[in-house]
Protein backbone atom coordinates (compact mmCIF):
# COMPACT_ATOMS: atom_id res chain seq x y z
CA MET A 1 -0.31 0.02 0.38
CA THR A 2 1.65 3.08 -0.59
CA ALA A 3 1.58 6.25 1.45
CA THR A 4 -1.00 8.38 -0.88
CA THR A 5 -3.92 5.17 -1.06
CA GLU A 6 -3.36 5.78 3.31
CA LEU A 7 -4.24 9.46 3.43
CA ASP A 8 -7.93 9.90 3.34
CA LEU A 9 -9.12 12.63 0.81
CA ILE A 10 -8.93 15.60 3.16
CA ASP A 11 -5.05 14.56 4.24
CA ARG A 12 -4.54 14.58 -0.05
CA LYS A 13 -6.26 17.94 -0.02
CA ILE A 14 -4.32 19.12 2.77
CA VAL A 15 -1.42 18.02 1.21
CA ALA A 16 -2.08 19.25 -2.68
CA SER A 17 -3.04 22.31 -0.98
CA LEU A 18 0.38 23.21 0.83
CA MET A 19 2.51 21.80 -2.45
CA GLU A 20 0.67 25.27 -4.53
CA ASP A 21 0.97 27.09 -1.65
CA ALA A 22 3.27 26.50 1.33
CA SER A 23 2.37 30.27 2.85
CA LEU A 24 -1.41 29.50 3.33
CA SER A 25 -2.21 30.75 6.48
CA VAL A 26 -3.70 27.72 8.45
CA ALA A 27 -7.32 29.08 8.61
CA ARG A 28 -6.98 29.47 5.05
CA LEU A 29 -5.91 25.89 4.78
CA ALA A 30 -8.66 24.53 6.62
CA GLU A 31 -11.43 26.53 4.40
CA ARG A 32 -10.63 25.27 1.45
CA VAL A 33 -10.46 21.77 2.61
CA GLY A 34 -13.62 21.90 4.33
CA LEU A 35 -12.79 21.75 8.02
CA SER A 36 -11.90 23.66 10.74
CA GLN A 37 -8.74 25.22 12.13
CA THR A 38 -7.77 22.62 15.16
CA PRO A 39 -8.65 19.76 13.03
CA CYS A 40 -6.50 20.51 9.95
CA TRP A 41 -3.84 22.03 12.52
CA LYS A 42 -3.89 18.48 13.86
CA ARG A 43 -3.95 16.85 10.55
CA ILE A 44 -0.70 19.24 9.48
CA GLN A 45 0.68 17.65 12.31
CA LYS A 46 0.23 14.21 12.03
CA LEU A 47 1.63 14.33 8.37
CA GLU A 48 4.87 16.06 9.26
CA SER A 49 5.69 13.35 12.12
CA ARG A 50 4.86 10.45 9.51
CA GLY A 51 7.26 12.02 6.80
CA ILE A 52 4.64 12.89 4.48
CA ILE A 53 5.24 16.65 4.71
CA THR A 54 9.00 16.93 5.23
CA GLY A 55 9.44 20.79 4.97
CA ARG A 56 7.72 23.90 3.32
CA VAL A 57 10.21 26.75 1.30
CA ALA A 58 10.19 29.67 -0.74
CA ARG A 59 10.47 28.79 -4.78
CA VAL A 60 12.52 31.97 -6.11
CA ASP A 61 13.66 32.75 -9.13
CA PRO A 62 16.87 31.95 -9.87
CA ALA A 63 17.74 34.51 -12.22
CA LYS A 64 16.66 37.32 -10.11
CA LEU A 65 19.24 36.18 -7.32
CA GLY A 66 21.64 36.47 -10.15
CA LEU A 67 21.89 32.56 -10.59
CA GLY A 68 20.98 32.81 -14.39
CA LEU A 69 22.80 29.39 -15.59
CA THR A 70 21.47 25.17 -14.60
CA VAL A 71 23.54 22.58 -15.95
CA PHE A 72 22.33 19.47 -15.82
CA VAL A 73 26.02 17.17 -15.31
CA ALA A 74 25.52 14.00 -15.32
CA ILE A 75 28.43 11.19 -13.77
CA GLU A 76 29.32 8.11 -14.58
CA ALA A 77 31.45 6.48 -11.75
CA THR A 78 34.91 4.42 -11.96
CA ASP A 79 33.37 1.98 -9.68
CA HIS A 80 29.96 0.97 -7.66
CA SER A 81 31.18 0.16 -3.75
CA SER A 82 29.87 1.63 -1.17
CA GLU A 83 33.10 3.59 -0.07
CA TRP A 84 32.99 5.34 -3.29
CA ARG A 85 29.70 6.19 -2.91
CA ASP A 86 29.93 7.17 0.41
CA ASP A 87 32.62 9.49 -0.52
CA PHE A 88 30.63 10.52 -3.76
CA ASN A 89 27.74 11.24 -1.73
CA SER A 90 29.67 13.53 1.03
CA GLN A 91 32.11 15.21 -1.82
CA ILE A 92 29.06 16.47 -3.25
CA ALA A 93 27.31 17.49 0.10
CA ARG A 94 30.00 20.14 0.25
CA HIS A 95 29.16 21.87 -3.06
CA PRO A 96 25.89 24.08 -2.66
CA GLU A 97 25.81 24.84 -6.09
CA ILE A 98 23.86 20.92 -6.38
CA VAL A 99 20.62 22.03 -5.81
CA GLU A 100 19.40 18.28 -7.35
CA ALA A 101 21.08 14.92 -7.15
CA TYR A 102 19.67 11.69 -8.26
CA ARG A 103 21.48 8.20 -8.28
CA LEU A 104 20.36 6.79 -11.83
CA ALA A 105 20.16 2.86 -13.34
CA GLY A 106 21.45 3.16 -16.67
CA PRO A 107 24.95 4.40 -18.51
CA THR A 108 24.99 7.50 -15.80
CA ASP A 109 25.59 6.91 -12.22
CA TYR A 110 24.46 10.22 -11.44
CA LEU A 111 22.53 13.11 -12.69
CA LEU A 112 23.22 16.27 -10.68
CA ARG A 113 21.05 19.72 -11.16
CA VAL A 114 23.72 22.87 -10.24
CA VAL A 115 22.80 26.59 -10.25
CA VAL A 116 25.40 29.10 -10.68
CA LYS A 117 25.56 32.81 -11.87
CA ASP A 118 27.23 32.08 -15.00
CA MET A 119 29.76 30.11 -17.29
CA GLY A 120 32.44 31.62 -15.64
CA ALA A 121 31.40 30.55 -12.12
CA PHE A 122 30.27 26.89 -13.65
CA ASP A 123 33.90 26.70 -14.64
CA GLU A 124 34.99 27.44 -11.44
CA PHE A 125 32.37 24.81 -9.87
CA TYR A 126 33.23 21.78 -12.33
CA ARG A 127 37.48 22.37 -11.17
CA ARG A 128 36.31 21.94 -7.28
CA LEU A 129 33.96 19.05 -8.40
CA THR A 130 36.81 17.20 -10.68
CA ASN A 131 39.48 17.64 -7.97
CA SER A 132 37.06 16.39 -5.11
CA VAL A 133 35.65 12.91 -6.59
CA ASN A 134 36.92 10.37 -9.09
CA VAL A 135 34.63 9.99 -11.84
CA ARG A 136 35.03 7.89 -14.83
CA ASN A 137 33.30 10.88 -17.15
CA VAL A 138 31.05 14.20 -16.52
CA THR A 139 29.02 15.16 -19.45
CA SER A 140 27.71 18.85 -19.14
CA HIS A 141 23.93 19.68 -20.66
CA PHE A 142 23.21 23.46 -20.45
CA ALA A 143 19.88 24.94 -19.59
CA MET A 144 18.28 27.11 -22.43
CA GLU A 145 15.01 27.73 -20.49
CA PRO A 146 12.85 26.21 -18.09
CA VAL A 147 9.41 24.66 -19.50
CA LYS A 148 7.95 23.50 -16.64
CA ASP A 149 8.99 23.48 -12.89
CA THR A 150 7.35 22.70 -10.54
CA LYS A 151 7.30 20.37 -7.20
CA VAL A 152 3.54 20.06 -7.32
CA LEU A 153 3.62 15.89 -7.20
CA PRO A 154 0.10 14.66 -9.27
CA ILE A 155 -1.68 13.31 -6.27
CA ASP A 156 -5.60 12.46 -6.52
CA THR A 157 -7.88 14.90 -5.04
CA MET A 158 -10.85 13.36 -6.19
CA ASN A 159 -13.55 11.24 -4.30
CA ARG A 160 -12.58 7.69 -4.57
């Protein structure tokens, strides 16, 4: 059984609403989902304690913060030992420019989303990264423009 099947309709509506706008007040959220404030707040706390809601953040425009370049970096590992993975994970945690990192199946072992000011900043990041981790191959893909950028997951908020 998946986590969304364990959630009732009200919980799914709370989660969906917070994914769309985490700044909603409890009063506004309660109104949206058809509850009073106290039961709504208790449900939010329960969703947090269960690890379904893992945090709330403000989404910002990176370009307006002077971070105009997004690069997807594909990494091929030199080996697949737990020691190498632990070292790699430790090293990439030290690079704040890496805003997402995924371990993949297939010819690419890791995919990193890197956000930096410009090409010079990326080159400096690239040098630090490749000096800190032993990798077989690094391939960089430069984003031209975001076509879709969301953190809203497709959960079912309809009656079943």
